Amino acid sequence: MREKRISIDAIPAALYGEPNDRLHLFVHVKFGCKEAGEIPTDFGKTLSWHYLQYAKKHTITV
């Protein structure tokens, strides 16, 4: 799996996989680890897609 490390406003971030029109967003709390959000490729494709389909149909508040 391809991995690219980037920064978003000086916050470390990681992109996994090939460019795609779908996105799996993993957010962790202070003292967390961005690598903990890495999901095995075959499982991640299914999980991410189902979550995005759910998010389109439901209001998600934080």
N, C-alpha and C. Protein backbone atom coordinates (compact mmCIF):
# COMPACT_ATOMS: atom_id res chain seq x y z
N MET A 1 0.85 -1.16 0.00
CA MET A 1 0.00 0.00 0.00
C MET A 1 0.91 1.24 0.00
N ARG A 2 0.56 2.21 -0.82
CA ARG A 2 1.32 3.44 -0.91
C ARG A 2 1.03 4.34 0.30
N GLU A 3 2.08 4.96 0.84
CA GLU A 3 1.93 5.85 1.99
C GLU A 3 2.65 7.17 1.70
N LYS A 4 2.00 8.28 2.02
CA LYS A 4 2.61 9.59 1.84
C LYS A 4 2.36 10.40 3.11
N ARG A 5 3.43 10.92 3.69
CA ARG A 5 3.31 11.73 4.90
C ARG A 5 3.23 13.20 4.50
N ILE A 6 2.24 13.89 5.06
CA ILE A 6 2.02 15.30 4.76
C ILE A 6 1.77 16.06 6.06
N SER A 7 1.66 17.38 5.95
CA SER A 7 1.28 18.22 7.09
C SER A 7 0.09 19.07 6.70
N ILE A 8 -0.85 19.22 7.59
CA ILE A 8 -2.02 20.08 7.39
C ILE A 8 -1.96 21.13 8.49
N ASP A 9 -1.62 22.35 8.12
CA ASP A 9 -1.42 23.43 9.11
C ASP A 9 -0.48 22.98 10.22
N ALA A 10 0.65 22.41 9.84
CA ALA A 10 1.70 21.94 10.75
C ALA A 10 1.28 20.74 11.60
N ILE A 11 0.17 20.10 11.27
CA ILE A 11 -0.27 18.89 11.97
C ILE A 11 0.11 17.68 11.11
N PRO A 12 0.89 16.74 11.65
CA PRO A 12 1.28 15.57 10.86
C PRO A 12 0.06 14.77 10.40
N ALA A 13 0.11 14.31 9.16
CA ALA A 13 -0.97 13.50 8.60
C ALA A 13 -0.36 12.46 7.67
N ALA A 14 -1.14 11.45 7.32
CA ALA A 14 -0.67 10.40 6.41
C ALA A 14 -1.77 10.07 5.42
N LEU A 15 -1.37 9.89 4.17
CA LEU A 15 -2.29 9.44 3.12
C LEU A 15 -1.89 8.01 2.76
N TYR A 16 -2.86 7.11 2.69
CA TYR A 16 -2.60 5.72 2.34
C TYR A 16 -3.35 5.36 1.07
N GLY A 17 -2.72 4.56 0.20
CA GLY A 17 -3.38 4.07 -1.00
C GLY A 17 -3.17 4.95 -2.20
N GLU A 18 -3.82 4.60 -3.28
CA GLU A 18 -3.72 5.32 -4.54
C GLU A 18 -4.76 6.43 -4.58
N PRO A 19 -4.53 7.48 -5.40
CA PRO A 19 -5.54 8.54 -5.54
C PRO A 19 -6.89 7.94 -5.94
N ASN A 20 -7.96 8.44 -5.33
CA ASN A 20 -9.28 7.87 -5.55
C ASN A 20 -10.33 8.93 -5.25
N ASP A 21 -11.55 8.71 -5.69
CA ASP A 21 -12.63 9.66 -5.40
C ASP A 21 -13.31 9.36 -4.07
N ARG A 22 -12.85 8.35 -3.34
CA ARG A 22 -13.38 8.01 -2.02
C ARG A 22 -12.32 8.30 -0.96
N LEU A 23 -12.77 8.57 0.25
CA LEU A 23 -11.85 8.94 1.31
C LEU A 23 -12.27 8.31 2.63
N HIS A 24 -11.31 7.78 3.35
CA HIS A 24 -11.53 7.30 4.71
C HIS A 24 -10.81 8.28 5.62
N LEU A 25 -11.52 8.95 6.49
CA LEU A 25 -10.94 9.95 7.37
C LEU A 25 -10.85 9.38 8.78
N PHE A 26 -9.64 9.38 9.32
CA PHE A 26 -9.42 8.90 10.68
C PHE A 26 -8.91 10.07 11.50
N VAL A 27 -9.59 10.39 12.58
CA VAL A 27 -9.19 11.49 13.45
C VAL A 27 -8.89 10.92 14.83
N HIS A 28 -7.75 11.29 15.38
CA HIS A 28 -7.42 10.80 16.72
C HIS A 28 -7.26 11.97 17.68
N VAL A 29 -7.25 11.66 18.95
CA VAL A 29 -7.15 12.69 19.99
C VAL A 29 -5.69 12.99 20.32
N LYS A 30 -5.49 13.97 21.17
CA LYS A 30 -4.15 14.36 21.59
C LYS A 30 -3.39 13.14 22.12
N PHE A 31 -2.14 13.06 21.76
CA PHE A 31 -1.24 11.96 22.11
C PHE A 31 -1.61 10.67 21.39
N GLY A 32 -2.45 10.77 20.37
CA GLY A 32 -2.80 9.61 19.56
C GLY A 32 -1.73 9.36 18.51
N CYS A 33 -2.01 8.46 17.62
CA CYS A 33 -1.05 8.08 16.59
C CYS A 33 -1.77 7.94 15.26
N LYS A 34 -1.34 8.70 14.24
CA LYS A 34 -2.02 8.65 12.94
C LYS A 34 -1.92 7.26 12.31
N GLU A 35 -0.83 6.53 12.62
CA GLU A 35 -0.66 5.19 12.06
C GLU A 35 -1.70 4.21 12.60
N ALA A 36 -2.31 4.51 13.73
CA ALA A 36 -3.35 3.64 14.28
C ALA A 36 -4.57 3.61 13.37
N GLY A 37 -4.71 4.60 12.53
CA GLY A 37 -5.85 4.67 11.62
C GLY A 37 -5.67 3.88 10.34
N GLU A 38 -4.49 3.28 10.16
CA GLU A 38 -4.25 2.49 8.96
C GLU A 38 -5.10 1.23 8.99
N ILE A 39 -5.81 0.98 7.91
CA ILE A 39 -6.70 -0.18 7.81
C ILE A 39 -6.18 -1.07 6.69
N PRO A 40 -6.16 -2.39 6.89
CA PRO A 40 -5.73 -3.29 5.81
C PRO A 40 -6.50 -2.98 4.52
N THR A 41 -5.81 -3.00 3.40
CA THR A 41 -6.36 -2.56 2.12
C THR A 41 -7.72 -3.16 1.78
N ASP A 42 -7.85 -4.47 1.78
CA ASP A 42 -9.12 -5.09 1.36
C ASP A 42 -10.25 -4.75 2.33
N PHE A 43 -9.98 -4.73 3.60
CA PHE A 43 -11.00 -4.38 4.59
C PHE A 43 -11.34 -2.90 4.52
N GLY A 44 -10.33 -2.07 4.37
CA GLY A 44 -10.52 -0.63 4.33
C GLY A 44 -11.39 -0.17 3.18
N LYS A 45 -11.25 -0.80 2.02
CA LYS A 45 -12.07 -0.41 0.87
C LYS A 45 -13.55 -0.59 1.18
N THR A 46 -13.90 -1.70 1.77
CA THR A 46 -15.30 -1.98 2.10
C THR A 46 -15.79 -1.08 3.22
N LEU A 47 -15.05 -0.99 4.30
CA LEU A 47 -15.45 -0.19 5.45
C LEU A 47 -15.62 1.28 5.08
N SER A 48 -14.65 1.84 4.39
CA SER A 48 -14.71 3.26 4.02
C SER A 48 -15.92 3.54 3.16
N TRP A 49 -16.17 2.70 2.18
CA TRP A 49 -17.28 2.95 1.26
C TRP A 49 -18.61 2.87 1.99
N HIS A 50 -18.79 1.90 2.87
CA HIS A 50 -20.04 1.78 3.61
C HIS A 50 -20.24 2.97 4.54
N TYR A 51 -19.18 3.44 5.17
CA TYR A 51 -19.30 4.59 6.06
C TYR A 51 -19.70 5.83 5.28
N LEU A 52 -19.10 6.05 4.12
CA LEU A 52 -19.45 7.22 3.32
C LEU A 52 -20.89 7.15 2.85
N GLN A 53 -21.37 5.98 2.50
CA GLN A 53 -22.76 5.84 2.09
C GLN A 53 -23.68 6.17 3.27
N TYR A 54 -23.30 5.75 4.47
CA TYR A 54 -24.08 6.07 5.67
C TYR A 54 -24.06 7.58 5.92
N ALA A 55 -22.89 8.19 5.81
CA ALA A 55 -22.74 9.62 6.09
C ALA A 55 -23.58 10.47 5.13
N LYS A 56 -23.73 10.03 3.90
CA LYS A 56 -24.53 10.78 2.93
C LYS A 56 -26.01 10.79 3.32
N LYS A 57 -26.45 9.76 4.04
CA LYS A 57 -27.86 9.62 4.38
C LYS A 57 -28.19 10.13 5.78
N HIS A 58 -27.19 10.40 6.61
CA HIS A 58 -27.42 10.80 8.00
C HIS A 58 -26.63 12.05 8.35
N THR A 59 -27.16 12.85 9.23
CA THR A 59 -26.44 14.01 9.73
C THR A 59 -25.49 13.56 10.83
N ILE A 60 -24.24 13.88 10.67
CA ILE A 60 -23.24 13.49 11.66
C ILE A 60 -22.78 14.76 12.37
N THR A 61 -22.95 14.82 13.68
CA THR A 61 -22.52 15.98 14.45
C THR A 61 -21.36 15.60 15.35
N VAL A 62 -20.50 16.56 15.58
CA VAL A 62 -19.31 16.31 16.41
C VAL A 62 -19.35 17.23 17.61
